[in-house]
Amino acid sequence: MSSENTNTPAKRTFRFNGMVLDDPDPNMTPEKVLEFYTPLHAELNNSVIKGPSIGADGTKTYKIEVKIGDNN
C-alpha cells in the first residue's frame, strides 16, 4: 500500500501583467482566485482566464488577460 497522497491537487500559478500570482487555495476555482486578487489589482474586474497550460513538472499555469472592448 502506497503512502503517497493521490488526491493532492496539481500546483497552479496565475500569470498577470508580467507577474506570477500564487495560488491562494488549491480548492478554489480559477474564477474564485481571480475574485480573490481583484481587490489588489482593480484591472482584474475586466479580465478573463485562459488555460491552463501544463508544464513539464505538471504545474498548471493560467494566463489572466484584461478584456479590451465589449465582447457582447
PDB file of N, CA and C in Angstrom:
ATOM      1  N   MET A   1       0.847  -1.186   0.000  1.00  0.00           N
ATOM      2  CA  MET A   1       0.000   0.000   0.000  1.00  0.00           C
ATOM      3  C   MET A   1       0.882   1.235   0.000  1.00  0.00           C
ATOM      4  N   SER A   2       0.636   2.137  -0.882  1.00  0.00           N
ATOM      5  CA  SER A   2       1.431   3.357  -1.015  1.00  0.00           C
ATOM      6  C   SER A   2       0.955   4.411  -0.029  1.00  0.00           C
ATOM      7  N   SER A   3       1.916   5.138   0.552  1.00  0.00           N
ATOM      8  CA  SER A   3       1.559   6.223   1.467  1.00  0.00           C
ATOM      9  C   SER A   3       1.436   7.551   0.726  1.00  0.00           C
ATOM     10  N   GLU A   4       1.627   7.514  -0.575  1.00  0.00           N
ATOM     11  CA  GLU A   4       1.543   8.732  -1.380  1.00  0.00           C
ATOM     12  C   GLU A   4       0.092   9.181  -1.494  1.00  0.00           C
ATOM     13  N   ASN A   5      -0.144  10.479  -1.306  1.00  0.00           N
ATOM     14  CA  ASN A   5      -1.489  11.029  -1.400  1.00  0.00           C
ATOM     15  C   ASN A   5      -1.810  11.313  -2.862  1.00  0.00           C
ATOM     16  N   THR A   6      -2.745  10.572  -3.423  1.00  0.00           N
ATOM     17  CA  THR A   6      -3.097  10.759  -4.830  1.00  0.00           C
ATOM     18  C   THR A   6      -4.147  11.849  -5.019  1.00  0.00           C
ATOM     19  N   ASN A   7      -4.655  12.429  -3.928  1.00  0.00           N
ATOM     20  CA  ASN A   7      -5.661  13.477  -4.016  1.00  0.00           C
ATOM     21  C   ASN A   7      -5.067  14.877  -3.943  1.00  0.00           C
ATOM     22  N   THR A   8      -3.754  14.987  -3.966  1.00  0.00           N
ATOM     23  CA  THR A   8      -3.116  16.296  -3.913  1.00  0.00           C
ATOM     24  C   THR A   8      -3.355  17.020  -5.227  1.00  0.00           C
ATOM     25  N   PRO A   9      -3.951  18.237  -5.168  1.00  0.00           N
ATOM     26  CA  PRO A   9      -4.177  18.969  -6.416  1.00  0.00           C
ATOM     27  C   PRO A   9      -2.859  19.358  -7.074  1.00  0.00           C
ATOM     28  N   ALA A  10      -2.882  19.472  -8.394  1.00  0.00           N
ATOM     29  CA  ALA A  10      -1.693  19.911  -9.124  1.00  0.00           C
ATOM     30  C   ALA A  10      -1.361  21.343  -8.719  1.00  0.00           C
ATOM     31  N   LYS A  11      -0.071  21.660  -8.725  1.00  0.00           N
ATOM     32  CA  LYS A  11       0.348  23.027  -8.435  1.00  0.00           C
ATOM     33  C   LYS A  11      -0.167  23.936  -9.542  1.00  0.00           C
ATOM     34  N   ARG A  12      -0.645  25.134  -9.157  1.00  0.00           N
ATOM     35  CA  ARG A  12      -1.148  26.095 -10.130  1.00  0.00           C
ATOM     36  C   ARG A  12      -0.455  27.433  -9.933  1.00  0.00           C
ATOM     37  N   THR A  13      -0.252  28.126 -11.038  1.00  0.00           N
ATOM     38  CA  THR A  13       0.205  29.510 -10.988  1.00  0.00           C
ATOM     39  C   THR A  13      -0.700  30.324 -11.902  1.00  0.00           C
ATOM     40  N   PHE A  14      -0.762  31.602 -11.607  1.00  0.00           N
ATOM     41  CA  PHE A  14      -1.593  32.517 -12.373  1.00  0.00           C
ATOM     42  C   PHE A  14      -0.711  33.667 -12.831  1.00  0.00           C
ATOM     43  N   ARG A  15      -0.627  33.879 -14.142  1.00  0.00           N
ATOM     44  CA  ARG A  15       0.217  34.942 -14.701  1.00  0.00           C
ATOM     45  C   ARG A  15      -0.663  36.115 -15.108  1.00  0.00           C
ATOM     46  N   PHE A  16      -0.228  37.301 -14.660  1.00  0.00           N
ATOM     47  CA  PHE A  16      -0.980  38.511 -14.974  1.00  0.00           C
ATOM     48  C   PHE A  16      -0.025  39.685 -15.081  1.00  0.00           C
ATOM     49  N   ASN A  17      -0.032  40.346 -16.225  1.00  0.00           N
ATOM     50  CA  ASN A  17       0.716  41.585 -16.409  1.00  0.00           C
ATOM     51  C   ASN A  17       2.186  41.441 -16.020  1.00  0.00           C
ATOM     52  N   GLY A  18       2.801  40.329 -16.411  1.00  0.00           N
ATOM     53  CA  GLY A  18       4.210  40.098 -16.119  1.00  0.00           C
ATOM     54  C   GLY A  18       4.492  39.580 -14.717  1.00  0.00           C
ATOM     55  N   MET A  19       3.452  39.376 -13.930  1.00  0.00           N
ATOM     56  CA  MET A  19       3.614  38.878 -12.561  1.00  0.00           C
ATOM     57  C   MET A  19       3.112  37.443 -12.468  1.00  0.00           C
ATOM     58  N   VAL A  20       3.646  36.716 -11.508  1.00  0.00           N
ATOM     59  CA  VAL A  20       3.133  35.386 -11.180  1.00  0.00           C
ATOM     60  C   VAL A  20       2.406  35.513  -9.850  1.00  0.00           C
ATOM     61  N   LEU A  21       1.115  35.235  -9.873  1.00  0.00           N
ATOM     62  CA  LEU A  21       0.306  35.288  -8.659  1.00  0.00           C
ATOM     63  C   LEU A  21       0.216  33.881  -8.086  1.00  0.00           C
ATOM     64  N   ASP A  22       0.544  33.745  -6.815  1.00  0.00           N
ATOM     65  CA  ASP A  22       0.486  32.440  -6.159  1.00  0.00           C
ATOM     66  C   ASP A  22      -0.954  31.972  -6.024  1.00  0.00           C
ATOM     67  N   ASP A  23      -1.115  30.684  -5.949  1.00  0.00           N
ATOM     68  CA  ASP A  23      -2.424  30.069  -5.756  1.00  0.00           C
ATOM     69  C   ASP A  23      -2.793  30.192  -4.279  1.00  0.00           C
ATOM     70  N   PRO A  24      -3.817  30.993  -3.947  1.00  0.00           N
ATOM     71  CA  PRO A  24      -4.165  31.170  -2.534  1.00  0.00           C
ATOM     72  C   PRO A  24      -4.792  29.937  -1.900  1.00  0.00           C
ATOM     73  N   ASP A  25      -5.438  29.102  -2.711  1.00  0.00           N
ATOM     74  CA  ASP A  25      -6.099  27.905  -2.189  1.00  0.00           C
ATOM     75  C   ASP A  25      -6.350  26.951  -3.358  1.00  0.00           C
ATOM     76  N   PRO A  26      -5.698  25.796  -3.381  1.00  0.00           N
ATOM     77  CA  PRO A  26      -5.866  24.863  -4.499  1.00  0.00           C
ATOM     78  C   PRO A  26      -7.302  24.388  -4.693  1.00  0.00           C
ATOM     79  N   ASN A  27      -8.143  24.559  -3.677  1.00  0.00           N
ATOM     80  CA  ASN A  27      -9.535  24.131  -3.791  1.00  0.00           C
ATOM     81  C   ASN A  27     -10.430  25.183  -4.439  1.00  0.00           C
ATOM     82  N   MET A  28      -9.908  26.394  -4.629  1.00  0.00           N
ATOM     83  CA  MET A  28     -10.675  27.456  -5.287  1.00  0.00           C
ATOM     84  C   MET A  28     -10.681  27.226  -6.794  1.00  0.00           C
ATOM     85  N   THR A  29     -11.780  27.573  -7.441  1.00  0.00           N
ATOM     86  CA  THR A  29     -11.806  27.538  -8.899  1.00  0.00           C
ATOM     87  C   THR A  29     -10.922  28.677  -9.409  1.00  0.00           C
ATOM     88  N   PRO A  30     -10.449  28.603 -10.639  1.00  0.00           N
ATOM     89  CA  PRO A  30      -9.677  29.727 -11.183  1.00  0.00           C
ATOM     90  C   PRO A  30     -10.451  31.048 -11.119  1.00  0.00           C
ATOM     91  N   GLU A  31     -11.764  30.994 -11.305  1.00  0.00           N
ATOM     92  CA  GLU A  31     -12.580  32.203 -11.236  1.00  0.00           C
ATOM     93  C   GLU A  31     -12.578  32.790  -9.824  1.00  0.00           C
ATOM     94  N   LYS A  32     -12.602  31.932  -8.809  1.00  0.00           N
ATOM     95  CA  LYS A  32     -12.553  32.402  -7.416  1.00  0.00           C
ATOM     96  C   LYS A  32     -11.183  32.994  -7.094  1.00  0.00           C
ATOM     97  N   VAL A  33     -10.126  32.440  -7.672  1.00  0.00           N
ATOM     98  CA  VAL A  33      -8.789  33.011  -7.490  1.00  0.00           C
ATOM     99  C   VAL A  33      -8.762  34.417  -8.080  1.00  0.00           C
ATOM    100  N   LEU A  34      -9.381  34.591  -9.240  1.00  0.00           N
ATOM    101  CA  LEU A  34      -9.477  35.908  -9.864  1.00  0.00           C
ATOM    102  C   LEU A  34     -10.193  36.882  -8.928  1.00  0.00           C
ATOM    103  N   GLU A  35     -11.303  36.462  -8.347  1.00  0.00           N
ATOM    104  CA  GLU A  35     -12.035  37.295  -7.387  1.00  0.00           C
ATOM    105  C   GLU A  35     -11.164  37.622  -6.174  1.00  0.00           C
ATOM    106  N   PHE A  36     -10.394  36.663  -5.704  1.00  0.00           N
ATOM    107  CA  PHE A  36      -9.514  36.853  -4.551  1.00  0.00           C
ATOM    108  C   PHE A  36      -8.521  37.986  -4.796  1.00  0.00           C
ATOM    109  N   TYR A  37      -7.945  38.038  -6.000  1.00  0.00           N
ATOM    110  CA  TYR A  37      -6.916  39.030  -6.315  1.00  0.00           C
ATOM    111  C   TYR A  37      -7.473  40.371  -6.797  1.00  0.00           C
ATOM    112  N   THR A  38      -8.759  40.447  -7.115  1.00  0.00           N
ATOM    113  CA  THR A  38      -9.329  41.687  -7.642  1.00  0.00           C
ATOM    114  C   THR A  38      -9.148  42.886  -6.710  1.00  0.00           C
ATOM    115  N   PRO A  39      -9.296  42.770  -5.388  1.00  0.00           N
ATOM    116  CA  PRO A  39      -9.071  43.948  -4.537  1.00  0.00           C
ATOM    117  C   PRO A  39      -7.638  44.498  -4.622  1.00  0.00           C
ATOM    118  N   LEU A  40      -6.678  43.654  -4.965  1.00  0.00           N
ATOM    119  CA  LEU A  40      -5.287  44.095  -5.076  1.00  0.00           C
ATOM    120  C   LEU A  40      -4.955  44.635  -6.458  1.00  0.00           C
ATOM    121  N   HIS A  41      -5.679  44.176  -7.469  1.00  0.00           N
ATOM    122  CA  HIS A  41      -5.423  44.553  -8.865  1.00  0.00           C
ATOM    123  C   HIS A  41      -6.771  44.872  -9.510  1.00  0.00           C
ATOM    124  N   ALA A  42      -7.182  46.132  -9.461  1.00  0.00           N
ATOM    125  CA  ALA A  42      -8.517  46.536  -9.918  1.00  0.00           C
ATOM    126  C   ALA A  42      -8.798  46.136 -11.363  1.00  0.00           C
ATOM    127  N   GLU A  43      -7.760  46.078 -12.200  1.00  0.00           N
ATOM    128  CA  GLU A  43      -7.989  45.743 -13.603  1.00  0.00           C
ATOM    129  C   GLU A  43      -8.484  44.315 -13.800  1.00  0.00           C
ATOM    130  N   LEU A  44      -8.411  43.495 -12.765  1.00  0.00           N
ATOM    131  CA  LEU A  44      -8.927  42.128 -12.863  1.00  0.00           C
ATOM    132  C   LEU A  44     -10.452  42.092 -12.945  1.00  0.00           C
ATOM    133  N   ASN A  45     -11.107  43.225 -12.613  1.00  0.00           N
ATOM    134  CA  ASN A  45     -12.562  43.296 -12.754  1.00  0.00           C
ATOM    135  C   ASN A  45     -12.996  43.062 -14.190  1.00  0.00           C
ATOM    136  N   ASN A  46     -12.143  43.388 -15.126  1.00  0.00           N
ATOM    137  CA  ASN A  46     -12.466  43.269 -16.550  1.00  0.00           C
ATOM    138  C   ASN A  46     -11.445  42.351 -17.215  1.00  0.00           C
ATOM    139  N   SER A  47     -11.408  41.102 -16.769  1.00  0.00           N
ATOM    140  CA  SER A  47     -10.404  40.181 -17.300  1.00  0.00           C
ATOM    141  C   SER A  47     -10.989  38.789 -17.501  1.00  0.00           C
ATOM    142  N   VAL A  48     -10.238  37.984 -18.229  1.00  0.00           N
ATOM    143  CA  VAL A  48     -10.618  36.593 -18.482  1.00  0.00           C
ATOM    144  C   VAL A  48      -9.431  35.695 -18.158  1.00  0.00           C
ATOM    145  N   ILE A  49      -9.738  34.451 -17.827  1.00  0.00           N
ATOM    146  CA  ILE A  49      -8.696  33.465 -17.543  1.00  0.00           C
ATOM    147  C   ILE A  49      -8.573  32.545 -18.745  1.00  0.00           C
ATOM    148  N   LYS A  50      -7.349  32.327 -19.199  1.00  0.00           N
ATOM    149  CA  LYS A  50      -7.077  31.412 -20.310  1.00  0.00           C
ATOM    150  C   LYS A  50      -6.227  30.260 -19.787  1.00  0.00           C
ATOM    151  N   GLY A  51      -6.475  29.089 -20.318  1.00  0.00           N
ATOM    152  CA  GLY A  51      -5.664  27.942 -19.938  1.00  0.00           C
ATOM    153  C   GLY A  51      -6.456  26.942 -19.134  1.00  0.00           C
ATOM    154  N   PRO A  52      -5.743  26.048 -18.539  1.00  0.00           N
ATOM    155  CA  PRO A  52      -4.324  26.109 -18.201  1.00  0.00           C
ATOM    156  C   PRO A  52      -3.432  25.486 -19.270  1.00  0.00           C
ATOM    157  N   SER A  53      -2.174  25.919 -19.238  1.00  0.00           N
ATOM    158  CA  SER A  53      -1.132  25.177 -19.935  1.00  0.00           C
ATOM    159  C   SER A  53      -0.438  24.358 -18.854  1.00  0.00           C
ATOM    160  N   ILE A  54       0.016  23.183 -19.208  1.00  0.00           N
ATOM    161  CA  ILE A  54       0.605  22.286 -18.211  1.00  0.00           C
ATOM    162  C   ILE A  54       2.087  22.130 -18.494  1.00  0.00           C
ATOM    163  N   GLY A  55       2.901  22.493 -17.500  1.00  0.00           N
ATOM    164  CA  GLY A  55       4.353  22.420 -17.635  1.00  0.00           C
ATOM    165  C   GLY A  55       4.864  20.999 -17.493  1.00  0.00           C
ATOM    166  N   ALA A  56       6.148  20.820 -17.772  1.00  0.00           N
ATOM    167  CA  ALA A  56       6.787  19.502 -17.688  1.00  0.00           C
ATOM    168  C   ALA A  56       6.680  18.906 -16.287  1.00  0.00           C
ATOM    169  N   ASP A  57       6.648  19.773 -15.262  1.00  0.00           N
ATOM    170  CA  ASP A  57       6.545  19.292 -13.881  1.00  0.00           C
ATOM    171  C   ASP A  57       5.102  19.107 -13.432  1.00  0.00           C
ATOM    172  N   GLY A  58       4.140  19.326 -14.349  1.00  0.00           N
ATOM    173  CA  GLY A  58       2.730  19.156 -14.024  1.00  0.00           C
ATOM    174  C   GLY A  58       2.047  20.412 -13.521  1.00  0.00           C
ATOM    175  N   THR A  59       2.794  21.503 -13.375  1.00  0.00           N
ATOM    176  CA  THR A  59       2.205  22.752 -12.906  1.00  0.00           C
ATOM    177  C   THR A  59       1.232  23.288 -13.944  1.00  0.00           C
ATOM    178  N   LYS A  60       0.041  23.646 -13.485  1.00  0.00           N
ATOM    179  CA  LYS A  60      -0.959  24.256 -14.360  1.00  0.00           C
ATOM    180  C   LYS A  60      -0.784  25.771 -14.291  1.00  0.00           C
ATOM    181  N   THR A  61      -0.571  26.393 -15.446  1.00  0.00           N
ATOM    182  CA  THR A  61      -0.400  27.841 -15.494  1.00  0.00           C
ATOM    183  C   THR A  61      -1.573  28.460 -16.236  1.00  0.00           C
ATOM    184  N   TYR A  62      -2.249  29.359 -15.533  1.00  0.00           N
ATOM    185  CA  TYR A  62      -3.371  30.090 -16.110  1.00  0.00           C
ATOM    186  C   TYR A  62      -2.891  31.491 -16.455  1.00  0.00           C
ATOM    187  N   LYS A  63      -3.333  32.000 -17.590  1.00  0.00           N
ATOM    188  CA  LYS A  63      -2.987  33.353 -18.008  1.00  0.00           C
ATOM    189  C   LYS A  63      -4.225  34.223 -17.831  1.00  0.00           C
ATOM    190  N   ILE A  64      -4.045  35.339 -17.131  1.00  0.00           N
ATOM    191  CA  ILE A  64      -5.141  36.276 -16.916  1.00  0.00           C
ATOM    192  C   ILE A  64      -4.927  37.450 -17.859  1.00  0.00           C
ATOM    193  N   GLU A  65      -5.929  37.715 -18.692  1.00  0.00           N
ATOM    194  CA  GLU A  65      -5.832  38.798 -19.671  1.00  0.00           C
ATOM    195  C   GLU A  65      -6.956  39.798 -19.454  1.00  0.00           C
ATOM    196  N   VAL A  66      -6.612  41.078 -19.534  1.00  0.00           N
ATOM    197  CA  VAL A  66      -7.611  42.133 -19.427  1.00  0.00           C
ATOM    198  C   VAL A  66      -8.393  42.174 -20.732  1.00  0.00           C
ATOM    199  N   LYS A  67      -9.729  42.185 -20.622  1.00  0.00           N
ATOM    200  CA  LYS A  67     -10.581  42.281 -21.808  1.00  0.00           C
ATOM    201  C   LYS A  67     -10.540  43.709 -22.325  1.00  0.00           C
ATOM    202  N   ILE A  68     -10.451  43.834 -23.638  1.00  0.00           N
ATOM    203  CA  ILE A  68     -10.470  45.146 -24.270  1.00  0.00           C
ATOM    204  C   ILE A  68     -11.730  45.227 -25.112  1.00  0.00           C
ATOM    205  N   GLY A  69     -12.531  46.242 -24.856  1.00  0.00           N
ATOM    206  CA  GLY A  69     -13.777  46.398 -25.595  1.00  0.00           C
ATOM    207  C   GLY A  69     -14.881  45.545 -25.018  1.00  0.00           C
ATOM    208  N   ASP A  70     -16.005  45.538 -25.707  1.00  0.00           N
ATOM    209  CA  ASP A  70     -17.179  44.794 -25.269  1.00  0.00           C
ATOM    210  C   ASP A  70     -17.379  43.618 -26.205  1.00  0.00           C
ATOM    211  N   ASN A  71     -17.334  42.411 -25.664  1.00  0.00           N
ATOM    212  CA  ASN A  71     -17.467  41.205 -26.489  1.00  0.00           C
ATOM    213  C   ASN A  71     -18.888  40.667 -26.519  1.00  0.00           C
ATOM    214  N   ASN A  72     -19.895  41.493 -26.289  1.00  0.00           N
ATOM    215  CA  ASN A  72     -21.289  41.021 -26.294  1.00  0.00           C
ATOM    216  C   ASN A  72     -21.769  40.751 -27.683  1.00  0.00           C
TER     217      ASN A  72
END
